[in-house]
Protein backbone atom coordinates (compact mmCIF):
# COMPACT_ATOMS: atom_id res chain seq x y z
CA UNK A 1 -20.46 -14.16 -1.72
CA UNK A 2 -17.15 -13.10 -3.24
CA UNK A 3 -14.17 -11.88 -1.26
CA UNK A 4 -13.75 -8.10 -1.39
CA UNK A 5 -10.89 -6.95 -3.59
CA UNK A 6 -9.55 -4.58 -0.92
CA UNK A 7 -9.69 -3.65 2.75
CA UNK A 8 -8.69 -0.34 4.35
CA UNK A 9 -8.10 0.96 7.87
CA UNK A 10 -6.60 4.07 9.44
CA UNK A 11 -4.42 3.45 12.50
CA UNK A 12 -2.32 6.24 14.05
CA UNK A 13 -1.85 8.33 10.88
CA UNK A 14 -1.22 5.22 8.80
CA UNK A 15 -3.59 4.43 5.94
CA UNK A 16 -3.54 0.66 5.49
CA UNK A 17 -4.67 -0.78 2.18
CA UNK A 18 -4.78 -4.51 1.50
CA UNK A 19 -5.30 -5.78 -2.02
CA UNK A 20 -6.76 -9.29 -2.00
CA UNK A 21 -6.83 -9.32 -5.82
CA UNK A 22 -5.88 -6.93 -8.60
CA UNK A 23 -8.36 -4.03 -8.54
CA UNK A 24 -10.51 -2.66 -11.32
CA UNK A 25 -10.92 1.06 -12.02
CA UNK A 26 -13.96 1.37 -9.68
CA UNK A 27 -12.07 -0.24 -6.79
CA UNK A 28 -9.19 2.19 -7.30
CA UNK A 29 -11.53 5.20 -7.44
CA UNK A 30 -13.24 4.14 -4.21
CA UNK A 31 -9.92 3.70 -2.39
CA UNK A 32 -8.56 7.00 -3.72
CA UNK A 33 -11.66 8.81 -2.45
CA UNK A 34 -11.04 7.33 1.03
CA UNK A 35 -7.42 8.47 0.83
CA UNK A 36 -8.36 12.03 -0.12
CA UNK A 37 -10.92 12.24 2.69
CA UNK A 38 -8.33 10.93 5.18
CA UNK A 39 -5.75 13.44 3.93
CA UNK A 40 -8.21 16.33 4.29
CA UNK A 41 -9.27 15.21 7.77
CA UNK A 42 -5.89 14.32 9.31
CA UNK A 43 -3.39 16.39 7.26
CA UNK A 44 0.22 15.22 6.80
CA UNK A 45 2.29 13.47 7.89
CA UNK A 46 0.44 10.39 6.70
CA UNK A 47 1.96 7.06 5.74
CA UNK A 48 0.48 4.55 3.31
CA UNK A 49 1.09 0.85 3.92
CA UNK A 50 -0.27 -1.24 1.05
CA UNK A 51 -0.08 -5.01 1.21
CA UNK A 52 -0.66 -7.62 -1.45
CA UNK A 53 -2.10 -10.96 -0.46
CA UNK A 54 0.05 -13.96 -1.31
CA UNK A 55 -3.03 -15.34 -3.08
CA UNK A 56 -3.42 -12.27 -5.29
CA UNK A 57 -2.93 -12.80 -8.99
CA UNK A 58 -0.34 -10.80 -10.88
CA UNK A 59 -2.14 -7.79 -12.42
CA UNK A 60 -2.69 -7.80 -16.18
CA UNK A 61 -1.62 -4.87 -18.35
CA UNK A 62 -4.87 -2.90 -17.92
CA UNK A 63 -4.73 -3.38 -14.15
CA UNK A 64 -1.07 -2.31 -14.10
CA UNK A 65 -1.98 0.84 -16.04
CA UNK A 66 -4.77 1.60 -13.56
CA UNK A 67 -2.42 1.00 -10.61
CA UNK A 68 0.20 3.22 -12.21
CA UNK A 69 -2.26 6.12 -12.51
CA UNK A 70 -3.46 5.44 -8.95
CA UNK A 71 0.10 5.60 -7.61
CA UNK A 72 0.72 8.94 -9.33
CA UNK A 73 -2.49 10.37 -7.87
CA UNK A 74 -1.98 8.98 -4.36
CA UNK A 75 1.69 9.78 -3.93
CA UNK A 76 1.27 13.48 -2.98
CA UNK A 77 -1.10 12.52 -0.14
CA UNK A 78 1.55 10.57 1.81
CA UNK A 79 4.96 11.33 3.27
CA UNK A 80 5.97 7.66 2.92
CA UNK A 81 4.60 4.70 1.00
CA UNK A 82 5.38 1.11 1.96
CA UNK A 83 4.34 -1.90 -0.10
CA UNK A 84 4.29 -5.31 1.55
CA UNK A 85 4.44 -8.13 -0.97
CA UNK A 86 3.70 -11.44 0.74
CA UNK A 87 4.39 -14.90 -0.54
CA UNK A 88 7.38 -16.94 -1.56
CA UNK A 89 10.52 -15.44 -3.04
CA UNK A 90 9.29 -15.91 -6.64
CA UNK A 91 5.99 -14.10 -5.95
CA UNK A 92 7.81 -11.37 -4.04
CA UNK A 93 10.34 -10.81 -6.79
CA UNK A 94 7.74 -10.82 -9.57
CA UNK A 95 5.47 -8.33 -7.80
CA UNK A 96 8.49 -6.21 -6.84
CA UNK A 97 9.50 -6.01 -10.52
CA UNK A 98 5.97 -4.84 -11.39
CA UNK A 99 6.09 -2.18 -8.65
CA UNK A 100 9.53 -1.06 -9.86
CA UNK A 101 8.16 -0.84 -13.41
CA UNK A 102 5.28 1.32 -12.24
CA UNK A 103 7.77 3.57 -10.43
CA UNK A 104 9.84 3.94 -13.60
CA UNK A 105 6.84 4.64 -15.83
CA UNK A 106 5.41 7.21 -13.41
CA UNK A 107 8.87 8.56 -12.56
CA UNK A 108 8.08 8.22 -8.87
CA UNK A 109 10.97 6.07 -7.68
CA UNK A 110 12.33 7.49 -4.45
CA UNK A 111 13.84 5.10 -1.89
CA UNK A 112 13.13 7.42 1.04
CA UNK A 113 9.49 7.80 0.08
CA UNK A 114 8.61 4.39 -1.36
CA UNK A 115 9.87 1.02 -0.20
CA UNK A 116 8.93 -2.59 -0.87
CA UNK A 117 9.00 -5.14 1.96
CA UNK A 118 8.36 -8.85 2.24
CA UNK A 119 6.99 -8.75 5.81
CA UNK A 120 4.91 -6.22 7.76
CA UNK A 121 7.37 -6.33 10.66
CA UNK A 122 9.94 -4.61 8.42
CA UNK A 123 7.69 -1.53 8.30
CA UNK A 124 7.27 -1.18 12.08
CA UNK A 125 10.56 0.63 12.85
CA UNK A 126 10.02 2.99 9.91
CA UNK A 127 6.60 3.96 11.30
CA UNK A 128 8.18 4.56 14.71
CA UNK A 129 10.88 6.78 13.20
CA UNK A 130 8.65 8.79 10.88
CA UNK A 131 5.51 9.20 13.00
CA UNK A 132 6.78 8.76 16.56
CA UNK A 133 4.33 5.91 17.19
CA UNK A 134 4.90 2.39 18.45
CA UNK A 135 5.25 0.80 15.02
CA UNK A 136 5.01 -2.74 16.38
CA UNK A 137 1.67 -1.99 18.03
CA UNK A 138 0.38 -0.33 14.86
CA UNK A 139 1.31 -3.41 12.81
CA UNK A 140 -0.22 -5.69 15.45
CA UNK A 141 -3.51 -3.74 15.27
CA UNK A 142 -3.39 -3.84 11.48
CA UNK A 143 -3.06 -7.63 11.63
CA UNK A 144 -6.08 -7.84 13.95
CA UNK A 145 -8.09 -5.79 11.43
CA UNK A 146 -6.91 -7.93 8.52
CA UNK A 147 -5.19 -5.15 6.57
CA UNK A 148 -1.68 -6.68 6.60
């Protein structure tokens, strides 16, 4: 059996998305449908925390195009978006450049809305500030569920 490409969980108004590998168009459509349903059910403020596994390959050009369209579609659903790029400094910097490129192409770069982090713990205080939740406990629960 193959490893799923993604995992999702909703914890205290935070939609967690973990990419284990670069997604195809069907994966993206399935995740976006979950996001829309969550947005309709919970209403803003909602925060997206997307993490990339350190074992995930760098997306090819088609996958980057799909992710770019996905980001444009998903952005209005969330008050903040945090990307966690795991791995060594080289992996982090390479993936960060790809994310920055997607932001430039989609014209969605906004430091207050979208941030890139190397560790999940860096997101915890931002969740506390924006949602009034215990960000450390939210991240701890996300770790238990395998979504960060």
